Amino acid sequence: MDENRKVATTDLKLDEPGTLPRPGPVGRLVRLALGALCLGYVYGLVMIAGDIISPAGNVRTMIWNGILPGLFLVSYVVNIGYSRAWKKWPAIISAIAFASVALVGYLALGTAETVALARLVWVWELYVFGHLGLSFLLAAIIGTPGCEMRAFHDLYSRATGMPTKEHYCPVGPLHPIDQWEAGLKRS
Protein backbone atom coordinates (compact mmCIF):
# COMPACT_ATOMS: atom_id res chain seq x y z
CA MET A 1 0.00 0.00 0.00
CA ASP A 2 1.19 3.54 -0.75
CA GLU A 3 1.99 5.18 2.59
CA ASN A 4 2.13 8.58 0.86
CA ARG A 5 -1.66 8.73 0.73
CA LYS A 6 -2.09 10.70 3.95
CA VAL A 7 -4.06 13.63 2.52
CA ALA A 8 -7.83 13.28 2.37
CA THR A 9 -8.75 12.91 -1.27
CA THR A 10 -11.85 11.84 -3.12
CA ASP A 11 -9.69 10.12 -5.76
CA LEU A 12 -10.66 6.49 -6.05
CA LYS A 13 -7.56 4.39 -5.45
CA LEU A 14 -8.66 0.84 -4.78
CA ASP A 15 -6.20 -1.63 -3.29
CA GLU A 16 -6.05 -5.33 -4.09
CA PRO A 17 -7.99 -7.69 -1.79
CA GLY A 18 -6.08 -8.55 1.37
CA THR A 19 -3.84 -5.47 1.16
CA LEU A 20 -5.30 -3.60 4.13
CA PRO A 21 -5.43 -4.95 7.68
CA ARG A 22 -8.78 -5.93 9.15
CA PRO A 23 -9.74 -3.71 12.06
CA GLY A 24 -9.08 -4.97 15.56
CA PRO A 25 -11.31 -4.40 18.57
CA VAL A 26 -10.53 -0.68 18.85
CA GLY A 27 -11.17 -0.07 15.14
CA ARG A 28 -14.44 -1.96 15.35
CA LEU A 29 -15.55 0.00 18.42
CA VAL A 30 -14.76 3.30 16.72
CA ARG A 31 -16.73 2.19 13.64
CA LEU A 32 -19.62 1.13 15.86
CA ALA A 33 -19.61 4.49 17.68
CA LEU A 34 -19.48 6.48 14.43
CA GLY A 35 -22.29 4.35 12.98
CA ALA A 36 -24.42 4.95 16.07
CA LEU A 37 -23.72 8.69 15.81
CA CYS A 38 -24.77 8.83 12.15
CA LEU A 39 -27.85 6.68 12.67
CA GLY A 40 -28.79 8.73 15.75
CA TYR A 41 -28.83 11.79 13.52
CA VAL A 42 -30.95 9.92 10.97
CA TYR A 43 -33.35 8.93 13.77
CA GLY A 44 -33.68 12.61 14.70
CA LEU A 45 -34.41 13.46 11.08
CA VAL A 46 -37.10 10.79 10.90
CA MET A 47 -38.68 12.09 14.10
CA ILE A 48 -39.19 15.54 12.55
CA ALA A 49 -40.49 14.16 9.24
CA GLY A 50 -44.02 15.45 9.85
CA ASP A 51 -42.78 19.01 10.14
CA ILE A 52 -40.78 18.76 6.95
CA ILE A 53 -43.34 16.90 4.85
CA SER A 54 -46.42 18.99 5.69
CA PRO A 55 -46.75 22.12 3.52
CA ALA A 56 -47.21 24.37 6.56
CA GLY A 57 -44.49 22.58 8.50
CA ASN A 58 -41.96 24.26 10.71
CA VAL A 59 -38.45 24.05 9.36
CA ARG A 60 -36.34 22.74 12.23
CA THR A 61 -32.81 23.86 12.91
CA MET A 62 -31.74 20.22 13.05
CA ILE A 63 -31.77 19.75 9.28
CA TRP A 64 -29.51 22.75 8.70
CA ASN A 65 -26.90 21.34 11.11
CA GLY A 66 -26.01 18.47 8.78
CA ILE A 67 -25.42 20.43 5.58
CA LEU A 68 -21.72 21.26 6.01
CA PRO A 69 -20.65 17.85 7.36
CA GLY A 70 -22.81 16.21 4.69
CA LEU A 71 -21.26 18.28 1.89
CA PHE A 72 -17.82 17.32 3.16
CA LEU A 73 -18.74 13.60 3.29
CA VAL A 74 -21.03 13.08 0.29
CA SER A 75 -18.22 12.73 -2.27
CA TYR A 76 -16.54 10.03 -0.17
CA VAL A 77 -19.85 8.24 0.38
CA VAL A 78 -20.64 8.18 -3.33
CA ASN A 79 -17.16 7.67 -4.77
CA ILE A 80 -15.91 4.98 -2.41
CA GLY A 81 -19.32 3.44 -1.75
CA TYR A 82 -20.16 3.02 -5.43
CA SER A 83 -16.59 2.65 -6.79
CA ARG A 84 -16.83 5.88 -8.77
CA ALA A 85 -14.12 8.41 -9.57
CA TRP A 86 -16.29 11.51 -9.65
CA LYS A 87 -13.95 13.55 -7.40
CA LYS A 88 -15.87 16.40 -5.70
CA TRP A 89 -18.79 16.35 -8.16
CA PRO A 90 -21.30 14.80 -5.72
CA ALA A 91 -20.68 17.70 -3.31
CA ILE A 92 -20.71 20.30 -6.07
CA ILE A 93 -23.97 19.00 -7.55
CA SER A 94 -25.53 18.87 -4.07
CA ALA A 95 -24.50 22.47 -3.34
CA ILE A 96 -25.82 23.63 -6.73
CA ALA A 97 -29.15 21.90 -6.06
CA PHE A 98 -29.44 23.55 -2.63
CA ALA A 99 -28.49 26.97 -4.02
CA SER A 100 -30.94 26.62 -6.91
CA VAL A 101 -33.88 25.73 -4.67
CA ALA A 102 -32.89 28.53 -2.25
CA LEU A 103 -32.72 31.04 -5.10
CA VAL A 104 -36.13 30.02 -6.46
CA GLY A 105 -37.56 30.29 -2.94
CA TYR A 106 -36.02 33.70 -2.46
CA LEU A 107 -37.32 34.99 -5.80
CA ALA A 108 -40.80 33.53 -5.27
CA LEU A 109 -41.30 34.03 -1.53
CA GLY A 110 -38.68 36.52 -0.45
CA THR A 111 -36.81 33.96 1.67
CA ALA A 112 -34.32 31.25 0.85
CA GLU A 113 -35.36 29.17 3.86
CA THR A 114 -38.39 27.46 2.38
CA VAL A 115 -40.16 24.19 3.00
CA ALA A 116 -39.00 23.02 -0.46
CA LEU A 117 -35.36 23.58 0.50
CA ALA A 118 -35.92 21.92 3.87
CA ARG A 119 -37.44 18.87 2.17
CA LEU A 120 -34.53 18.60 -0.28
CA VAL A 121 -31.93 18.89 2.49
CA TRP A 122 -33.89 16.45 4.68
CA VAL A 123 -34.03 13.74 2.00
CA TRP A 124 -30.39 14.31 1.06
CA GLU A 125 -29.25 14.07 4.70
CA LEU A 126 -31.31 10.90 5.23
CA TYR A 127 -29.38 9.33 2.37
CA VAL A 128 -25.88 10.59 3.22
CA PHE A 129 -25.98 9.87 6.95
CA GLY A 130 -28.11 6.72 6.57
CA HIS A 131 -25.71 5.18 4.03
CA LEU A 132 -22.71 6.21 6.11
CA GLY A 133 -24.22 4.96 9.38
CA LEU A 134 -25.23 1.57 7.98
CA SER A 135 -21.78 1.22 6.40
CA PHE A 136 -20.07 1.96 9.72
CA LEU A 137 -22.24 -0.59 11.54
CA LEU A 138 -21.72 -3.28 8.93
CA ALA A 139 -17.96 -2.58 8.85
CA ALA A 140 -17.85 -2.92 12.65
CA ILE A 141 -19.77 -6.19 12.61
CA ILE A 142 -17.89 -7.96 9.81
CA GLY A 143 -14.50 -6.27 10.26
CA THR A 144 -14.20 -4.62 6.86
CA PRO A 145 -10.61 -3.61 6.15
CA GLY A 146 -10.03 0.05 5.32
CA CYS A 147 -12.91 2.38 4.61
CA GLU A 148 -16.35 1.62 5.99
CA MET A 149 -17.84 2.61 2.63
CA ARG A 150 -16.51 -0.70 1.26
CA ALA A 151 -18.49 -2.72 3.85
CA PHE A 152 -21.29 -3.67 1.46
CA HIS A 153 -18.68 -4.75 -1.12
CA ASP A 154 -16.91 -6.77 1.59
CA LEU A 155 -20.18 -8.46 2.59
CA TYR A 156 -20.91 -9.29 -1.05
CA SER A 157 -17.40 -10.69 -1.42
CA ARG A 158 -17.85 -12.92 1.59
CA ALA A 159 -21.27 -14.13 0.45
CA THR A 160 -20.20 -14.91 -3.11
CA GLY A 161 -16.54 -15.79 -2.64
CA MET A 162 -15.62 -13.22 -5.29
CA PRO A 163 -12.82 -10.95 -4.04
CA THR A 164 -13.44 -7.22 -3.98
CA LYS A 165 -10.98 -4.38 -3.89
CA GLU A 166 -10.33 -2.39 -0.74
CA HIS A 167 -9.88 1.31 -0.02
CA TYR A 168 -7.97 2.82 2.87
CA CYS A 169 -9.97 5.30 4.95
CA PRO A 170 -9.00 8.76 3.65
CA VAL A 171 -10.75 10.79 6.37
CA GLY A 172 -10.79 10.47 10.12
CA PRO A 173 -9.05 8.17 12.57
CA LEU A 174 -9.81 4.73 11.10
CA HIS A 175 -6.71 4.25 8.95
CA PRO A 176 -4.27 5.25 11.72
CA ILE A 177 -6.14 3.08 14.24
CA ASP A 178 -6.09 0.07 11.90
CA GLN A 179 -2.37 0.60 11.20
CA TRP A 180 -1.65 0.84 14.95
CA GLU A 181 -3.62 -2.34 15.72
CA ALA A 182 -1.92 -4.19 12.86
CA GLY A 183 1.44 -3.12 14.30
CA LEU A 184 0.45 -4.50 17.69
CA LYS A 185 -0.40 -7.86 16.09
CA ARG A 186 2.99 -8.01 14.38
CA SER A 187 4.86 -7.23 17.62
C-alpha atoms as a PDB file:
ATOM      1  CA  MET A   1       0.000   0.000   0.000  1.00  0.00           C
ATOM      2  CA  ASP A   2       1.186   3.537  -0.751  1.00  0.00           C
ATOM      3  CA  GLU A   3       1.994   5.180   2.588  1.00  0.00           C
ATOM      4  CA  ASN A   4       2.133   8.582   0.860  1.00  0.00           C
ATOM      5  CA  ARG A   5      -1.659   8.731   0.727  1.00  0.00           C
ATOM      6  CA  LYS A   6      -2.088  10.703   3.947  1.00  0.00           C
ATOM      7  CA  VAL A   7      -4.057  13.632   2.515  1.00  0.00           C
ATOM      8  CA  ALA A   8      -7.826  13.282   2.369  1.00  0.00           C
ATOM      9  CA  THR A   9      -8.749  12.909  -1.271  1.00  0.00           C
ATOM     10  CA  THR A  10     -11.848  11.836  -3.123  1.00  0.00           C
ATOM     11  CA  ASP A  11      -9.689  10.125  -5.757  1.00  0.00           C
ATOM     12  CA  LEU A  12     -10.660   6.492  -6.050  1.00  0.00           C
ATOM     13  CA  LYS A  13      -7.557   4.389  -5.448  1.00  0.00           C
ATOM     14  CA  LEU A  14      -8.662   0.837  -4.783  1.00  0.00           C
ATOM     15  CA  ASP A  15      -6.202  -1.630  -3.288  1.00  0.00           C
ATOM     16  CA  GLU A  16      -6.049  -5.332  -4.089  1.00  0.00           C
ATOM     17  CA  PRO A  17      -7.993  -7.692  -1.786  1.00  0.00           C
ATOM     18  CA  GLY A  18      -6.081  -8.549   1.368  1.00  0.00           C
ATOM     19  CA  THR A  19      -3.843  -5.468   1.159  1.00  0.00           C
ATOM     20  CA  LEU A  20      -5.304  -3.605   4.131  1.00  0.00           C
ATOM     21  CA  PRO A  21      -5.431  -4.954   7.682  1.00  0.00           C
ATOM     22  CA  ARG A  22      -8.778  -5.934   9.153  1.00  0.00           C
ATOM     23  CA  PRO A  23      -9.744  -3.708  12.065  1.00  0.00           C
ATOM     24  CA  GLY A  24      -9.083  -4.971  15.558  1.00  0.00           C
ATOM     25  CA  PRO A  25     -11.312  -4.400  18.573  1.00  0.00           C
ATOM     26  CA  VAL A  26     -10.531  -0.683  18.853  1.00  0.00           C
ATOM     27  CA  GLY A  27     -11.167  -0.069  15.143  1.00  0.00           C
ATOM     28  CA  ARG A  28     -14.442  -1.965  15.349  1.00  0.00           C
ATOM     29  CA  LEU A  29     -15.554  -0.001  18.417  1.00  0.00           C
ATOM     30  CA  VAL A  30     -14.762   3.301  16.718  1.00  0.00           C
ATOM     31  CA  ARG A  31     -16.728   2.193  13.640  1.00  0.00           C
ATOM     32  CA  LEU A  32     -19.623   1.132  15.862  1.00  0.00           C
ATOM     33  CA  ALA A  33     -19.611   4.494  17.681  1.00  0.00           C
ATOM     34  CA  LEU A  34     -19.485   6.480  14.426  1.00  0.00           C
ATOM     35  CA  GLY A  35     -22.294   4.347  12.980  1.00  0.00           C
ATOM     36  CA  ALA A  36     -24.416   4.953  16.068  1.00  0.00           C
ATOM     37  CA  LEU A  37     -23.723   8.689  15.814  1.00  0.00           C
ATOM     38  CA  CYS A  38     -24.768   8.828  12.150  1.00  0.00           C
ATOM     39  CA  LEU A  39     -27.853   6.685  12.671  1.00  0.00           C
ATOM     40  CA  GLY A  40     -28.789   8.727  15.749  1.00  0.00           C
ATOM     41  CA  TYR A  41     -28.827  11.794  13.522  1.00  0.00           C
ATOM     42  CA  VAL A  42     -30.947   9.917  10.973  1.00  0.00           C
ATOM     43  CA  TYR A  43     -33.352   8.928  13.769  1.00  0.00           C
ATOM     44  CA  GLY A  44     -33.676  12.607  14.705  1.00  0.00           C
ATOM     45  CA  LEU A  45     -34.412  13.462  11.078  1.00  0.00           C
ATOM     46  CA  VAL A  46     -37.097  10.786  10.900  1.00  0.00           C
ATOM     47  CA  MET A  47     -38.682  12.094  14.105  1.00  0.00           C
ATOM     48  CA  ILE A  48     -39.188  15.541  12.552  1.00  0.00           C
ATOM     49  CA  ALA A  49     -40.494  14.165   9.240  1.00  0.00           C
ATOM     50  CA  GLY A  50     -44.018  15.448   9.845  1.00  0.00           C
ATOM     51  CA  ASP A  51     -42.782  19.014  10.143  1.00  0.00           C
ATOM     52  CA  ILE A  52     -40.776  18.756   6.950  1.00  0.00           C
ATOM     53  CA  ILE A  53     -43.336  16.901   4.854  1.00  0.00           C
ATOM     54  CA  SER A  54     -46.416  18.990   5.694  1.00  0.00           C
ATOM     55  CA  PRO A  55     -46.752  22.123   3.517  1.00  0.00           C
ATOM     56  CA  ALA A  56     -47.207  24.374   6.561  1.00  0.00           C
ATOM     57  CA  GLY A  57     -44.488  22.578   8.497  1.00  0.00           C
ATOM     58  CA  ASN A  58     -41.961  24.255  10.709  1.00  0.00           C
ATOM     59  CA  VAL A  59     -38.445  24.055   9.356  1.00  0.00           C
ATOM     60  CA  ARG A  60     -36.344  22.743  12.229  1.00  0.00           C
ATOM     61  CA  THR A  61     -32.807  23.864  12.905  1.00  0.00           C
ATOM     62  CA  MET A  62     -31.736  20.221  13.046  1.00  0.00           C
ATOM     63  CA  ILE A  63     -31.771  19.749   9.276  1.00  0.00           C
ATOM     64  CA  TRP A  64     -29.514  22.748   8.704  1.00  0.00           C
ATOM     65  CA  ASN A  65     -26.904  21.337  11.113  1.00  0.00           C
ATOM     66  CA  GLY A  66     -26.011  18.467   8.783  1.00  0.00           C
ATOM     67  CA  ILE A  67     -25.416  20.427   5.577  1.00  0.00           C
ATOM     68  CA  LEU A  68     -21.722  21.257   6.013  1.00  0.00           C
ATOM     69  CA  PRO A  69     -20.649  17.854   7.355  1.00  0.00           C
ATOM     70  CA  GLY A  70     -22.807  16.210   4.689  1.00  0.00           C
ATOM     71  CA  LEU A  71     -21.261  18.278   1.892  1.00  0.00           C
ATOM     72  CA  PHE A  72     -17.819  17.323   3.159  1.00  0.00           C
ATOM     73  CA  LEU A  73     -18.736  13.603   3.289  1.00  0.00           C
ATOM     74  CA  VAL A  74     -21.032  13.076   0.292  1.00  0.00           C
ATOM     75  CA  SER A  75     -18.220  12.729  -2.273  1.00  0.00           C
ATOM     76  CA  TYR A  76     -16.544  10.030  -0.168  1.00  0.00           C
ATOM     77  CA  VAL A  77     -19.850   8.236   0.384  1.00  0.00           C
ATOM     78  CA  VAL A  78     -20.643   8.181  -3.332  1.00  0.00           C
ATOM     79  CA  ASN A  79     -17.158   7.668  -4.773  1.00  0.00           C
ATOM     80  CA  ILE A  80     -15.909   4.976  -2.408  1.00  0.00           C
ATOM     81  CA  GLY A  81     -19.324   3.435  -1.751  1.00  0.00           C
ATOM     82  CA  TYR A  82     -20.159   3.017  -5.435  1.00  0.00           C
ATOM     83  CA  SER A  83     -16.591   2.655  -6.793  1.00  0.00           C
ATOM     84  CA  ARG A  84     -16.831   5.878  -8.771  1.00  0.00           C
ATOM     85  CA  ALA A  85     -14.115   8.411  -9.567  1.00  0.00           C
ATOM     86  CA  TRP A  86     -16.291  11.509  -9.648  1.00  0.00           C
ATOM     87  CA  LYS A  87     -13.952  13.545  -7.400  1.00  0.00           C
ATOM     88  CA  LYS A  88     -15.870  16.401  -5.702  1.00  0.00           C
ATOM     89  CA  TRP A  89     -18.786  16.352  -8.162  1.00  0.00           C
ATOM     90  CA  PRO A  90     -21.298  14.800  -5.724  1.00  0.00           C
ATOM     91  CA  ALA A  91     -20.677  17.704  -3.306  1.00  0.00           C
ATOM     92  CA  ILE A  92     -20.710  20.303  -6.073  1.00  0.00           C
ATOM     93  CA  ILE A  93     -23.973  19.002  -7.548  1.00  0.00           C
ATOM     94  CA  SER A  94     -25.530  18.875  -4.074  1.00  0.00           C
ATOM     95  CA  ALA A  95     -24.497  22.469  -3.344  1.00  0.00           C
ATOM     96  CA  ILE A  96     -25.818  23.634  -6.729  1.00  0.00           C
ATOM     97  CA  ALA A  97     -29.151  21.902  -6.062  1.00  0.00           C
ATOM     98  CA  PHE A  98     -29.436  23.553  -2.632  1.00  0.00           C
ATOM     99  CA  ALA A  99     -28.490  26.972  -4.021  1.00  0.00           C
ATOM    100  CA  SER A 100     -30.944  26.624  -6.913  1.00  0.00           C
ATOM    101  CA  VAL A 101     -33.876  25.731  -4.670  1.00  0.00           C
ATOM    102  CA  ALA A 102     -32.890  28.525  -2.251  1.00  0.00           C
ATOM    103  CA  LEU A 103     -32.721  31.041  -5.104  1.00  0.00           C
ATOM    104  CA  VAL A 104     -36.126  30.023  -6.456  1.00  0.00           C
ATOM    105  CA  GLY A 105     -37.559  30.293  -2.941  1.00  0.00           C
ATOM    106  CA  TYR A 106     -36.015  33.703  -2.463  1.00  0.00           C
ATOM    107  CA  LEU A 107     -37.324  34.989  -5.797  1.00  0.00           C
ATOM    108  CA  ALA A 108     -40.799  33.533  -5.267  1.00  0.00           C
ATOM    109  CA  LEU A 109     -41.301  34.026  -1.530  1.00  0.00           C
ATOM    110  CA  GLY A 110     -38.675  36.521  -0.445  1.00  0.00           C
ATOM    111  CA  THR A 111     -36.815  33.963   1.673  1.00  0.00           C
ATOM    112  CA  ALA A 112     -34.325  31.253   0.846  1.00  0.00           C
ATOM    113  CA  GLU A 113     -35.362  29.170   3.858  1.00  0.00           C
ATOM    114  CA  THR A 114     -38.392  27.460   2.376  1.00  0.00           C
ATOM    115  CA  VAL A 115     -40.160  24.192   3.003  1.00  0.00           C
ATOM    116  CA  ALA A 116     -39.000  23.021  -0.462  1.00  0.00           C
ATOM    117  CA  LEU A 117     -35.364  23.584   0.499  1.00  0.00           C
ATOM    118  CA  ALA A 118     -35.923  21.919   3.866  1.00  0.00           C
ATOM    119  CA  ARG A 119     -37.438  18.869   2.166  1.00  0.00           C
ATOM    120  CA  LEU A 120     -34.533  18.605  -0.284  1.00  0.00           C
ATOM    121  CA  VAL A 121     -31.933  18.885   2.487  1.00  0.00           C
ATOM    122  CA  TRP A 122     -33.887  16.452   4.683  1.00  0.00           C
ATOM    123  CA  VAL A 123     -34.030  13.737   2.005  1.00  0.00           C
ATOM    124  CA  TRP A 124     -30.386  14.306   1.060  1.00  0.00           C
ATOM    125  CA  GLU A 125     -29.248  14.071   4.698  1.00  0.00           C
ATOM    126  CA  LEU A 126     -31.307  10.904   5.228  1.00  0.00           C
ATOM    127  CA  TYR A 127     -29.382   9.332   2.372  1.00  0.00           C
ATOM    128  CA  VAL A 128     -25.877  10.592   3.215  1.00  0.00           C
ATOM    129  CA  PHE A 129     -25.979   9.869   6.953  1.00  0.00           C
ATOM    130  CA  GLY A 130     -28.106   6.719   6.565  1.00  0.00           C
ATOM    131  CA  HIS A 131     -25.711   5.176   4.029  1.00  0.00           C
ATOM    132  CA  LEU A 132     -22.711   6.209   6.111  1.00  0.00           C
ATOM    133  CA  GLY A 133     -24.221   4.962   9.381  1.00  0.00           C
ATOM    134  CA  LEU A 134     -25.227   1.574   7.981  1.00  0.00           C
ATOM    135  CA  SER A 135     -21.780   1.219   6.397  1.00  0.00           C
ATOM    136  CA  PHE A 136     -20.074   1.962   9.721  1.00  0.00           C
ATOM    137  CA  LEU A 137     -22.245  -0.586  11.545  1.00  0.00           C
ATOM    138  CA  LEU A 138     -21.715  -3.281   8.928  1.00  0.00           C
ATOM    139  CA  ALA A 139     -17.962  -2.575   8.854  1.00  0.00           C
ATOM    140  CA  ALA A 140     -17.854  -2.917  12.653  1.00  0.00           C
ATOM    141  CA  ILE A 141     -19.773  -6.191  12.614  1.00  0.00           C
ATOM    142  CA  ILE A 142     -17.886  -7.957   9.806  1.00  0.00           C
ATOM    143  CA  GLY A 143     -14.495  -6.273  10.261  1.00  0.00           C
ATOM    144  CA  THR A 144     -14.203  -4.624   6.864  1.00  0.00           C
ATOM    145  CA  PRO A 145     -10.611  -3.608   6.151  1.00  0.00           C
ATOM    146  CA  GLY A 146     -10.029   0.051   5.319  1.00  0.00           C
ATOM    147  CA  CYS A 147     -12.907   2.383   4.613  1.00  0.00           C
ATOM    148  CA  GLU A 148     -16.353   1.619   5.988  1.00  0.00           C
ATOM    149  CA  MET A 149     -17.838   2.614   2.630  1.00  0.00           C
ATOM    150  CA  ARG A 150     -16.514  -0.698   1.263  1.00  0.00           C
ATOM    151  CA  ALA A 151     -18.491  -2.721   3.852  1.00  0.00           C
ATOM    152  CA  PHE A 152     -21.290  -3.669   1.461  1.00  0.00           C
ATOM    153  CA  HIS A 153     -18.679  -4.751  -1.118  1.00  0.00           C
ATOM    154  CA  ASP A 154     -16.912  -6.771   1.591  1.00  0.00           C
ATOM    155  CA  LEU A 155     -20.179  -8.463   2.594  1.00  0.00           C
ATOM    156  CA  TYR A 156     -20.914  -9.290  -1.054  1.00  0.00           C
ATOM    157  CA  SER A 157     -17.401 -10.685  -1.415  1.00  0.00           C
ATOM    158  CA  ARG A 158     -17.848 -12.925   1.594  1.00  0.00           C
ATOM    159  CA  ALA A 159     -21.270 -14.127   0.448  1.00  0.00           C
ATOM    160  CA  THR A 160     -20.202 -14.909  -3.112  1.00  0.00           C
ATOM    161  CA  GLY A 161     -16.536 -15.795  -2.642  1.00  0.00           C
ATOM    162  CA  MET A 162     -15.616 -13.217  -5.293  1.00  0.00           C
ATOM    163  CA  PRO A 163     -12.819 -10.949  -4.043  1.00  0.00           C
ATOM    164  CA  THR A 164     -13.438  -7.219  -3.978  1.00  0.00           C
ATOM    165  CA  LYS A 165     -10.979  -4.381  -3.894  1.00  0.00           C
ATOM    166  CA  GLU A 166     -10.332  -2.391  -0.737  1.00  0.00           C
ATOM    167  CA  HIS A 167      -9.883   1.312  -0.024  1.00  0.00           C
ATOM    168  CA  TYR A 168      -7.970   2.817   2.869  1.00  0.00           C
ATOM    169  CA  CYS A 169      -9.965   5.299   4.952  1.00  0.00           C
ATOM    170  CA  PRO A 170      -8.999   8.764   3.648  1.00  0.00           C
ATOM    171  CA  VAL A 171     -10.751  10.794   6.366  1.00  0.00           C
ATOM    172  CA  GLY A 172     -10.789  10.465  10.119  1.00  0.00           C
ATOM    173  CA  PRO A 173      -9.053   8.173  12.568  1.00  0.00           C
ATOM    174  CA  LEU A 174      -9.807   4.732  11.098  1.00  0.00           C
ATOM    175  CA  HIS A 175      -6.706   4.253   8.946  1.00  0.00           C
ATOM    176  CA  PRO A 176      -4.266   5.254  11.725  1.00  0.00           C
ATOM    177  CA  ILE A 177      -6.135   3.077  14.244  1.00  0.00           C
ATOM    178  CA  ASP A 178      -6.087   0.072  11.895  1.00  0.00           C
ATOM    179  CA  GLN A 179      -2.367   0.600  11.203  1.00  0.00           C
ATOM    180  CA  TRP A 180      -1.652   0.843  14.946  1.00  0.00           C
ATOM    181  CA  GLU A 181      -3.621  -2.337  15.719  1.00  0.00           C
ATOM    182  CA  ALA A 182      -1.916  -4.191  12.865  1.00  0.00           C
ATOM    183  CA  GLY A 183       1.437  -3.120  14.299  1.00  0.00           C
ATOM    184  CA  LEU A 184       0.448  -4.501  17.688  1.00  0.00           C
ATOM    185  CA  LYS A 185      -0.401  -7.862  16.093  1.00  0.00           C
ATOM    186  CA  ARG A 186       2.993  -8.008  14.377  1.00  0.00           C
ATOM    187  CA  SER A 187       4.865  -7.230  17.615  1.00  0.00           C
END
